[in-house]
Amino acid sequence: MVQQPTDIELTTLTKENNMQIQINTDSNIEGHEDLATRVSDEVKSVLKRFSDHITRVEVHLSDENSDKKGGSNDMRCVMEARLEGRQPVAVTHHGATVDQAVDGAAGKLTRLIDSTLGRLRDQKRDRADPTPFESNDDSTTLGGDQG
């Protein structure tokens, strides 16, 4: 019997914004409600400072070595965040357990979003406050010698 992928969708509302969290698992990971709650809580916790910029987070969990008995770092977590007005950003992390994979991916996603939003802030600041042209008193004047 072939087991179908399990999709668990949780919608989380924050004060600043509506951030939807969708959790998908492959057929080798049982997508129980407690797993969904743990993953959702981790995502909310690490991304709450960015919640006013994030509209949706998708979490994909899979067991890459399910046909083999054991192995290190065979759990994979892919997290994709959709930022308002931007292309989605995604990270992947492998771990020995689902929790390790989720924790690692959440940390990577936090750093990526922080970097992305920081670059955007820098670009806006640079456009709003361009460096004024500096002139030297001993520079040559246009039009050749005046003296």
Protein backbone atom coordinates (compact mmCIF):
# COMPACT_ATOMS: atom_id res chain seq x y z
CA MET A 1 0.00 0.00 0.00
CA VAL A 2 1.41 3.39 -1.01
CA GLN A 3 1.03 6.07 1.59
CA GLN A 4 0.18 9.54 0.30
CA PRO A 5 2.06 12.64 1.46
CA THR A 6 0.59 14.24 4.53
CA ASP A 7 -0.23 17.91 4.38
CA ILE A 8 -0.89 19.82 7.55
CA GLU A 9 -1.82 23.45 7.20
CA LEU A 10 -1.81 25.77 10.15
CA THR A 11 -2.69 29.43 9.97
CA THR A 12 -1.06 31.61 12.57
CA LEU A 13 -2.14 35.18 13.17
CA THR A 14 0.27 37.62 14.72
CA LYS A 15 -0.34 41.16 15.93
CA GLU A 16 1.63 42.76 13.14
CA ASN A 17 0.46 40.70 10.21
CA ASN A 18 -1.18 37.50 9.08
CA MET A 19 1.55 34.91 8.64
CA GLN A 20 0.32 31.63 7.24
CA ILE A 21 2.34 28.51 8.02
CA GLN A 22 1.92 25.40 5.89
CA ILE A 23 3.61 22.14 6.85
CA ASN A 24 4.04 19.31 4.34
CA THR A 25 5.51 15.88 5.07
CA ASP A 26 6.40 13.01 2.80
CA SER A 27 4.81 9.60 3.19
CA ASN A 28 7.62 8.44 5.51
CA ILE A 29 6.96 11.02 8.22
CA GLU A 30 3.75 10.82 10.14
CA GLY A 31 2.24 14.28 10.18
CA HIS A 32 0.49 14.23 13.51
CA GLU A 33 -0.95 17.33 15.13
CA ASP A 34 1.81 17.40 17.78
CA LEU A 35 4.46 17.51 15.03
CA ALA A 36 2.58 20.34 13.33
CA THR A 37 2.33 22.23 16.61
CA ARG A 38 6.05 21.84 17.38
CA VAL A 39 7.09 22.95 13.91
CA SER A 40 4.64 25.85 13.86
CA ASP A 41 5.76 27.04 17.30
CA GLU A 42 9.42 26.96 16.20
CA VAL A 43 8.67 28.91 13.01
CA LYS A 44 6.61 31.51 14.89
CA SER A 45 9.27 31.86 17.57
CA VAL A 46 12.25 32.45 15.29
CA LEU A 47 10.44 34.55 12.67
CA LYS A 48 8.22 36.72 14.89
CA ARG A 49 10.43 39.80 14.48
CA PHE A 50 9.93 39.57 10.72
CA SER A 51 6.21 38.75 10.84
CA ASP A 52 5.15 42.10 9.40
CA HIS A 53 7.20 41.30 6.25
CA ILE A 54 6.26 37.61 5.84
CA THR A 55 2.96 36.51 4.35
CA ARG A 56 3.54 32.76 4.23
CA VAL A 57 6.01 30.11 5.35
CA GLU A 58 6.03 26.64 3.82
CA VAL A 59 7.81 23.81 5.62
CA HIS A 60 8.56 20.58 3.74
CA LEU A 61 9.74 17.62 5.81
CA SER A 62 11.09 14.42 4.31
CA ASP A 63 13.04 11.30 5.22
CA GLU A 64 15.62 10.87 2.47
CA ASN A 65 16.82 7.41 3.54
CA SER A 66 13.48 5.88 4.42
CA ASP A 67 14.24 2.71 2.49
CA LYS A 68 17.38 2.15 4.56
CA LYS A 69 17.43 1.44 8.26
CA GLY A 70 18.96 4.49 9.84
CA GLY A 71 21.68 6.82 8.75
CA SER A 72 22.85 10.16 9.93
CA ASN A 73 21.29 13.38 8.78
CA ASP A 74 18.61 11.72 6.69
CA MET A 75 15.81 14.04 7.77
CA ARG A 76 15.46 17.05 5.50
CA CYS A 77 13.63 20.30 6.14
CA VAL A 78 13.07 22.85 3.42
CA MET A 79 11.62 26.19 4.53
CA GLU A 80 10.38 28.79 2.12
CA ALA A 81 9.29 32.25 3.21
CA ARG A 82 7.29 34.60 1.05
CA LEU A 83 8.21 38.19 1.80
CA GLU A 84 5.84 40.99 0.86
CA GLY A 85 6.81 42.43 -2.51
CA ARG A 86 9.79 40.10 -2.93
CA GLN A 87 10.58 36.74 -4.46
CA PRO A 88 10.33 33.81 -2.03
CA VAL A 89 13.50 32.77 -0.20
CA ALA A 90 14.24 29.16 0.76
CA VAL A 91 16.74 27.17 2.80
CA THR A 92 17.42 23.47 3.38
CA HIS A 93 18.86 21.70 6.41
CA HIS A 94 19.53 18.03 7.12
CA GLY A 95 19.45 16.53 10.60
CA ALA A 96 19.40 13.20 12.38
CA THR A 97 15.89 13.98 13.64
CA VAL A 98 12.98 16.04 12.37
CA ASP A 99 13.48 18.52 15.22
CA GLN A 100 17.16 18.99 14.36
CA ALA A 101 16.33 19.54 10.70
CA VAL A 102 13.60 22.06 11.58
CA ASP A 103 15.80 23.93 14.08
CA GLY A 104 18.66 24.16 11.58
CA ALA A 105 16.44 25.34 8.73
CA ALA A 106 14.73 27.89 10.98
CA GLY A 107 18.11 29.34 11.97
CA LYS A 108 19.26 29.53 8.36
CA LEU A 109 15.98 31.16 7.28
CA THR A 110 16.25 33.74 10.06
CA ARG A 111 19.76 34.72 8.95
CA LEU A 112 18.70 34.85 5.28
CA ILE A 113 15.67 37.06 5.95
CA ASP A 114 17.69 39.31 8.26
CA SER A 115 20.30 39.74 5.52
CA THR A 116 17.70 40.28 2.79
CA LEU A 117 15.75 42.89 4.76
CA GLY A 118 18.97 44.56 5.89
CA ARG A 119 20.07 45.00 2.27
CA LEU A 120 16.66 46.45 1.42
CA ARG A 121 16.92 48.94 4.31
CA ASP A 122 20.42 49.92 3.18
CA GLN A 123 19.25 50.45 -0.41
CA LYS A 124 16.32 52.60 0.72
CA ARG A 125 18.57 54.63 3.01
CA ASP A 126 21.15 55.15 0.25
CA ARG A 127 18.47 56.32 -2.20
CA ALA A 128 16.86 58.64 0.33
CA ASP A 129 20.13 60.18 1.54
CA PRO A 130 22.65 60.27 -1.31
CA THR A 131 26.13 61.41 -0.42
CA PRO A 132 26.47 65.06 -1.44
CA PHE A 133 29.06 65.93 -4.07
CA GLU A 134 32.21 67.06 -2.36
CA SER A 135 34.30 69.73 -4.02
CA ASN A 136 37.90 70.55 -3.29
CA ASP A 137 38.92 74.19 -3.19
CA ASP A 138 42.12 73.42 -5.09
CA SER A 139 40.38 71.55 -7.91
CA THR A 140 40.48 72.89 -11.44
CA THR A 141 37.52 74.82 -12.70
CA LEU A 142 35.59 74.10 -15.83
CA GLY A 143 36.50 76.26 -18.79
CA GLY A 144 40.28 76.15 -18.37
CA ASP A 145 42.59 78.68 -16.70
CA GLN A 146 40.93 81.72 -15.36
CA GLY A 147 43.99 83.52 -14.33
